[in-house]
Amino acid sequence: MDRRTPIGSGTVLFEFGDGVGTVVLNRPERRNAISWQLVEDLLAAIERARSERGLRVLVITGAGGDFCVGADLARVASGNAEDRETRTLRGRSVADDLERLTHASTVVEALVSFPMPTIAAIDGACAGAGLALALAADFRIAADRAAFNTAFVSAGVPGDLGSAWLLTRAVGDARARALLLDPGRFTAAEASDWGLVTETTADLPGRLRELSGKLAAQPPKAMLYAKQNLADAGPATLPDYLRREVPRMVDCAHSRDAKRAAEAFLEKRKPVFTGE
């Protein structure tokens, strides 16, 4: 039985079980190209995941053998205005486009700021804005056969959805400049060598289950605070960062989960964390 629930118009599916929420981009006939409908459904799915009691890990992936090829460029040239406006990010005017893309950009904000660990499970093509979505996750696991491309400049545009910001933080300034200004296809192995993906695997579903299960078993408050520490580490000065880090550390150290971890260590067994 398929436990995946369609969100909104059905361009995104959501599944939740055993502490793991899975968001599936669901336009396989368009290789999960980003449309206005998909943006709305994806934002709704992320909000749904935030509201799920007991969710400890969020996975984002694509249906049909691809992650996401980016914007639906084939629909941009459509002569049908309604078709163009619902299936692309294009609206009726420059002002409309500015409003739409500003709204669409909140997707990467929602993923980067998601309180629990996030995993992008990447199979097949991952390009353009689809690559930006993957870069917004904490972990990026790629199938050996996955193929990447920044793609933007080749399409006559500089990039969106925070692509340069995210890419620079993933691979460093020099590599980001090369990838964005001289776009071209690169392999999962190259992406791994450059630090763009966390790891590659011949068994994406199996490795995804292993990692998501491991993360879901970790103490949730410690994971939440660790993500907040990571978010603060970049923009804050060291004194400011330490003022934020210390209360989080003390709060966790006095939690029941910390006590459970210590007891399990002494008793040489695996702890079971409850979030208390």
Protein backbone atom coordinates (compact mmCIF):
# COMPACT_ATOMS: atom_id res chain seq x y z
CA MET A 1 0.00 0.00 0.00
CA ASP A 2 1.35 3.45 -1.00
CA ARG A 3 1.58 5.64 2.10
CA ARG A 4 2.53 8.75 0.14
CA THR A 5 -0.03 11.54 0.43
CA PRO A 6 -0.45 14.05 -2.43
CA ILE A 7 0.07 17.64 -1.30
CA GLY A 8 -2.02 20.36 -2.95
CA SER A 9 -2.21 19.73 -6.68
CA GLY A 10 -0.16 16.53 -6.35
CA THR A 11 3.14 17.78 -7.77
CA VAL A 12 4.64 16.87 -4.37
CA LEU A 13 4.01 13.80 -2.23
CA PHE A 14 4.61 13.40 1.51
CA GLU A 15 5.17 10.32 3.63
CA PHE A 16 5.88 10.04 7.34
CA GLY A 17 6.90 7.05 9.42
CA ASP A 18 9.42 6.01 12.08
CA GLY A 19 10.44 9.62 12.66
CA VAL A 20 11.32 10.22 9.00
CA GLY A 21 9.34 12.55 6.74
CA THR A 22 9.86 12.15 3.00
CA VAL A 23 9.01 14.85 0.47
CA VAL A 24 8.88 13.62 -3.13
CA LEU A 25 8.96 15.97 -6.12
CA ASN A 26 6.29 14.38 -8.29
CA ARG A 27 6.45 15.54 -11.89
CA PRO A 28 8.26 12.54 -13.38
CA GLU A 29 6.87 13.27 -16.85
CA ARG A 30 8.83 16.58 -16.73
CA ARG A 31 11.78 15.09 -14.80
CA ASN A 32 10.48 16.95 -11.73
CA ALA A 33 11.03 20.37 -13.33
CA ILE A 34 10.03 23.22 -11.05
CA SER A 35 6.67 24.83 -11.76
CA TRP A 36 4.60 27.38 -9.86
CA GLN A 37 2.35 24.54 -8.69
CA LEU A 38 5.35 22.56 -7.45
CA VAL A 39 6.65 25.55 -5.48
CA GLU A 40 3.31 25.98 -3.72
CA ASP A 41 3.03 22.25 -3.02
CA LEU A 42 6.63 22.00 -1.82
CA LEU A 43 6.19 24.86 0.64
CA ALA A 44 3.01 23.19 1.92
CA ALA A 45 4.83 19.85 2.28
CA ILE A 46 7.68 21.41 4.28
CA GLU A 47 5.15 23.10 6.56
CA ARG A 48 3.33 19.77 6.92
CA ALA A 49 6.63 18.14 7.91
CA ARG A 50 7.29 20.85 10.52
CA SER A 51 3.91 20.14 12.09
CA GLU A 52 4.36 16.37 12.31
CA ARG A 53 4.76 15.37 15.93
CA GLY A 54 7.78 13.12 16.32
CA LEU A 55 9.45 13.99 13.01
CA ARG A 56 13.21 13.80 13.43
CA VAL A 57 14.55 13.71 9.86
CA LEU A 58 13.32 15.20 6.58
CA VAL A 59 14.22 13.65 3.22
CA ILE A 60 13.68 15.36 -0.13
CA THR A 61 13.88 13.32 -3.32
CA GLY A 62 12.35 12.99 -6.78
CA ALA A 63 9.99 10.54 -8.45
CA GLY A 64 10.74 8.61 -11.62
CA GLY A 65 14.52 8.34 -11.51
CA ASP A 66 15.52 12.02 -11.43
CA PHE A 67 15.92 14.52 -8.61
CA CYS A 68 15.06 17.77 -10.42
CA VAL A 69 16.21 19.28 -13.72
CA GLY A 70 15.49 22.84 -12.59
CA ALA A 71 12.95 25.25 -14.07
CA ASP A 72 10.51 23.94 -16.68
CA LEU A 73 12.07 25.75 -19.65
CA ALA A 74 9.98 23.86 -22.20
CA ARG A 75 6.85 25.44 -20.76
CA VAL A 76 8.31 28.96 -20.80
CA ALA A 77 7.93 29.07 -24.59
CA SER A 78 4.32 27.84 -24.47
CA GLY A 79 1.87 30.04 -26.28
CA ASN A 80 -0.85 29.24 -23.79
CA ALA A 81 -0.79 31.85 -20.99
CA GLU A 82 -2.57 29.67 -18.43
CA ASP A 83 -0.28 26.73 -19.17
CA ARG A 84 2.80 28.98 -18.87
CA GLU A 85 1.72 30.58 -15.58
CA THR A 86 0.86 27.37 -13.73
CA ARG A 87 3.67 25.20 -15.05
CA THR A 88 6.55 27.67 -14.83
CA LEU A 89 7.59 30.44 -12.46
CA ARG A 90 6.68 33.04 -15.07
CA GLY A 91 3.74 35.36 -14.51
CA ARG A 92 2.06 38.08 -16.57
CA SER A 93 4.61 40.87 -16.05
CA VAL A 94 8.04 41.74 -14.67
CA ALA A 95 6.41 42.77 -11.39
CA ASP A 96 4.55 39.46 -11.27
CA ASP A 97 7.78 37.57 -11.96
CA LEU A 98 9.57 39.42 -9.15
CA GLU A 99 6.80 38.53 -6.74
CA ARG A 100 6.71 34.89 -7.84
CA LEU A 101 10.46 34.32 -7.66
CA THR A 102 10.69 36.06 -4.28
CA HIS A 103 8.01 33.69 -3.00
CA ALA A 104 9.68 30.66 -4.62
CA SER A 105 12.99 31.59 -2.98
CA THR A 106 11.46 31.00 0.44
CA VAL A 107 11.64 27.26 -0.35
CA VAL A 108 15.41 27.21 0.20
CA GLU A 109 15.04 29.34 3.33
CA ALA A 110 12.52 26.83 4.67
CA LEU A 111 14.88 23.92 3.97
CA VAL A 112 18.04 25.58 5.33
CA SER A 113 16.22 26.63 8.52
CA PHE A 114 14.37 23.33 8.98
CA PRO A 115 14.81 22.43 12.66
CA MET A 116 15.68 18.76 12.16
CA PRO A 117 18.37 17.21 9.90
CA THR A 118 17.56 17.16 6.19
CA ILE A 119 18.77 14.79 3.47
CA ALA A 120 18.62 15.27 -0.29
CA ALA A 121 18.53 11.83 -1.94
CA ILE A 122 19.73 12.49 -5.48
CA ASP A 123 19.20 10.12 -8.39
CA GLY A 124 19.47 10.92 -12.09
CA ALA A 125 19.53 14.57 -13.12
CA CYS A 126 20.09 17.39 -10.63
CA ALA A 127 20.50 20.76 -12.31
CA GLY A 128 19.85 24.47 -12.00
CA ALA A 129 17.27 25.29 -9.37
CA GLY A 130 17.07 21.58 -8.60
CA LEU A 131 20.71 21.68 -7.58
CA ALA A 132 19.92 24.66 -5.33
CA LEU A 133 17.21 22.60 -3.61
CA ALA A 134 19.71 19.80 -3.00
CA LEU A 135 22.32 22.23 -1.68
CA ALA A 136 19.81 23.53 0.89
CA ALA A 137 19.86 20.13 2.65
CA ASP A 138 22.25 19.15 5.44
CA PHE A 139 23.23 15.88 3.73
CA ARG A 140 23.35 15.14 0.01
CA ILE A 141 23.52 11.47 -0.93
CA ALA A 142 23.90 10.80 -4.64
CA ALA A 143 23.44 7.63 -6.61
CA ASP A 144 26.55 6.71 -8.58
CA ARG A 145 24.68 7.44 -11.80
CA ALA A 146 23.52 10.93 -10.75
CA ALA A 147 24.50 13.80 -13.06
CA PHE A 148 24.81 17.48 -12.13
CA ASN A 149 24.91 20.85 -13.88
CA THR A 150 24.54 24.42 -12.65
CA ALA A 151 22.99 25.14 -16.07
CA PHE A 152 21.90 28.73 -15.38
CA VAL A 153 24.26 30.75 -17.61
CA SER A 154 23.72 28.32 -20.48
CA ALA A 155 20.02 29.19 -20.26
CA GLY A 156 20.74 32.92 -20.31
CA VAL A 157 20.14 33.57 -16.61
CA PRO A 158 22.51 34.14 -13.63
CA GLY A 159 20.87 31.75 -11.15
CA ASP A 160 18.09 31.68 -8.58
CA LEU A 161 16.94 30.01 -5.34
CA GLY A 162 20.13 31.06 -3.60
CA SER A 163 22.30 28.98 -5.92
CA ALA A 164 25.53 31.03 -5.69
CA TRP A 165 25.19 31.51 -1.91
CA LEU A 166 24.59 27.80 -1.32
CA LEU A 167 27.19 26.58 -3.81
CA THR A 168 29.93 28.84 -2.42
CA ARG A 169 29.34 27.44 1.08
CA ALA A 170 29.38 23.88 -0.22
CA VAL A 171 32.48 23.92 -2.43
CA GLY A 172 34.28 27.20 -1.74
CA ASP A 173 34.59 30.40 -3.75
CA ALA A 174 36.93 29.26 -6.53
CA ARG A 175 35.05 26.06 -7.38
CA ALA A 176 31.68 27.82 -7.16
CA ARG A 177 32.86 30.46 -9.65
CA ALA A 178 34.05 27.79 -12.07
CA LEU A 179 30.82 25.81 -11.83
CA LEU A 180 28.51 28.81 -12.20
CA LEU A 181 30.40 30.79 -14.85
CA ASP A 182 31.44 27.78 -16.96
CA PRO A 183 28.46 25.42 -16.63
CA GLY A 184 28.65 21.85 -17.82
CA ARG A 185 27.66 18.34 -16.84
CA PHE A 186 29.62 16.70 -14.02
CA THR A 187 29.37 13.29 -12.40
CA ALA A 188 28.48 12.15 -8.91
CA ALA A 189 32.13 11.17 -8.37
CA GLU A 190 33.28 14.69 -9.29
CA ALA A 191 30.57 16.20 -7.07
CA SER A 192 31.87 14.08 -4.20
CA ASP A 193 35.49 15.06 -4.83
CA TRP A 194 34.52 18.76 -4.72
CA GLY A 195 32.44 18.41 -1.55
CA LEU A 196 29.18 19.20 -3.31
CA VAL A 197 27.65 15.89 -2.17
CA THR A 198 28.22 14.19 1.16
CA GLU A 199 28.68 10.78 -0.40
CA THR A 200 27.87 8.61 -3.41
CA THR A 201 26.42 5.12 -3.32
CA ALA A 202 25.48 2.22 -5.57
CA ASP A 203 22.44 1.59 -3.36
CA LEU A 204 20.67 4.90 -2.81
CA PRO A 205 17.49 3.51 -1.18
CA GLY A 206 19.48 1.29 1.17
CA ARG A 207 21.92 4.00 2.20
CA LEU A 208 19.08 6.47 2.64
CA ARG A 209 17.28 4.09 5.00
CA GLU A 210 20.50 3.54 6.96
CA LEU A 211 21.36 7.21 7.37
CA SER A 212 17.83 8.46 8.03
CA GLY A 213 17.30 5.71 10.59
CA LYS A 214 20.54 6.58 12.35
CA LEU A 215 19.72 10.29 12.46
CA ALA A 216 16.16 9.61 13.63
CA ALA A 217 17.56 7.65 16.59
CA GLN A 218 19.67 10.59 17.83
CA PRO A 219 18.46 12.83 20.69
CA PRO A 220 16.18 15.39 18.97
CA LYS A 221 16.97 18.37 21.22
CA ALA A 222 20.70 17.88 20.71
CA MET A 223 20.14 17.71 16.94
CA LEU A 224 17.98 20.84 17.02
CA TYR A 225 20.59 22.80 18.97
CA ALA A 226 23.45 21.46 16.82
CA LYS A 227 21.68 22.83 13.75
CA GLN A 228 21.20 26.18 15.48
CA ASN A 229 24.91 26.22 16.38
CA LEU A 230 25.81 25.56 12.75
CA ALA A 231 23.51 28.35 11.58
CA ASP A 232 25.12 30.78 14.04
CA ALA A 233 28.69 29.70 13.28
CA GLY A 234 28.92 31.57 9.98
CA PRO A 235 27.58 35.07 10.64
CA ALA A 236 28.34 35.47 14.36
CA THR A 237 31.60 36.61 15.90
CA LEU A 238 33.15 34.09 18.28
CA PRO A 239 32.01 35.93 21.46
CA ASP A 240 28.45 36.24 20.09
CA TYR A 241 28.46 32.62 19.01
CA LEU A 242 29.65 31.42 22.42
CA ARG A 243 26.88 33.36 24.16
CA ARG A 244 24.38 31.35 22.12
CA GLU A 245 26.18 28.03 22.33
CA VAL A 246 26.58 27.86 26.11
CA PRO A 247 22.86 27.91 27.07
CA ARG A 248 22.10 25.23 24.50
CA MET A 249 24.86 23.01 25.83
CA VAL A 250 23.74 23.42 29.42
CA ASP A 251 20.08 22.81 28.56
CA CYS A 252 20.94 19.55 26.80
CA ALA A 253 23.38 18.47 29.50
CA HIS A 254 20.53 18.64 32.04
CA SER A 255 18.08 16.73 29.83
CA ARG A 256 16.87 13.20 30.44
CA ASP A 257 18.29 12.19 27.05
CA ALA A 258 21.79 13.18 28.15
CA LYS A 259 21.35 11.04 31.24
CA ARG A 260 20.14 8.16 29.07
CA ALA A 261 23.19 8.53 26.84
CA ALA A 262 25.55 8.37 29.83
CA GLU A 263 23.79 5.33 31.30
CA ALA A 264 23.82 3.52 27.97
CA PHE A 265 27.52 4.23 27.54
CA LEU A 266 28.33 2.79 30.96
CA GLU A 267 26.08 -0.22 30.38
CA LYS A 268 27.47 -0.75 26.85
CA ARG A 269 24.10 -0.63 25.09
CA LYS A 270 22.33 1.61 22.62
CA PRO A 271 20.32 4.44 24.19
CA VAL A 272 16.70 5.16 23.29
CA PHE A 273 16.03 8.90 23.15
CA THR A 274 12.63 10.51 23.70
CA GLY A 275 13.35 14.20 23.34
CA GLU A 276 13.05 14.90 27.06
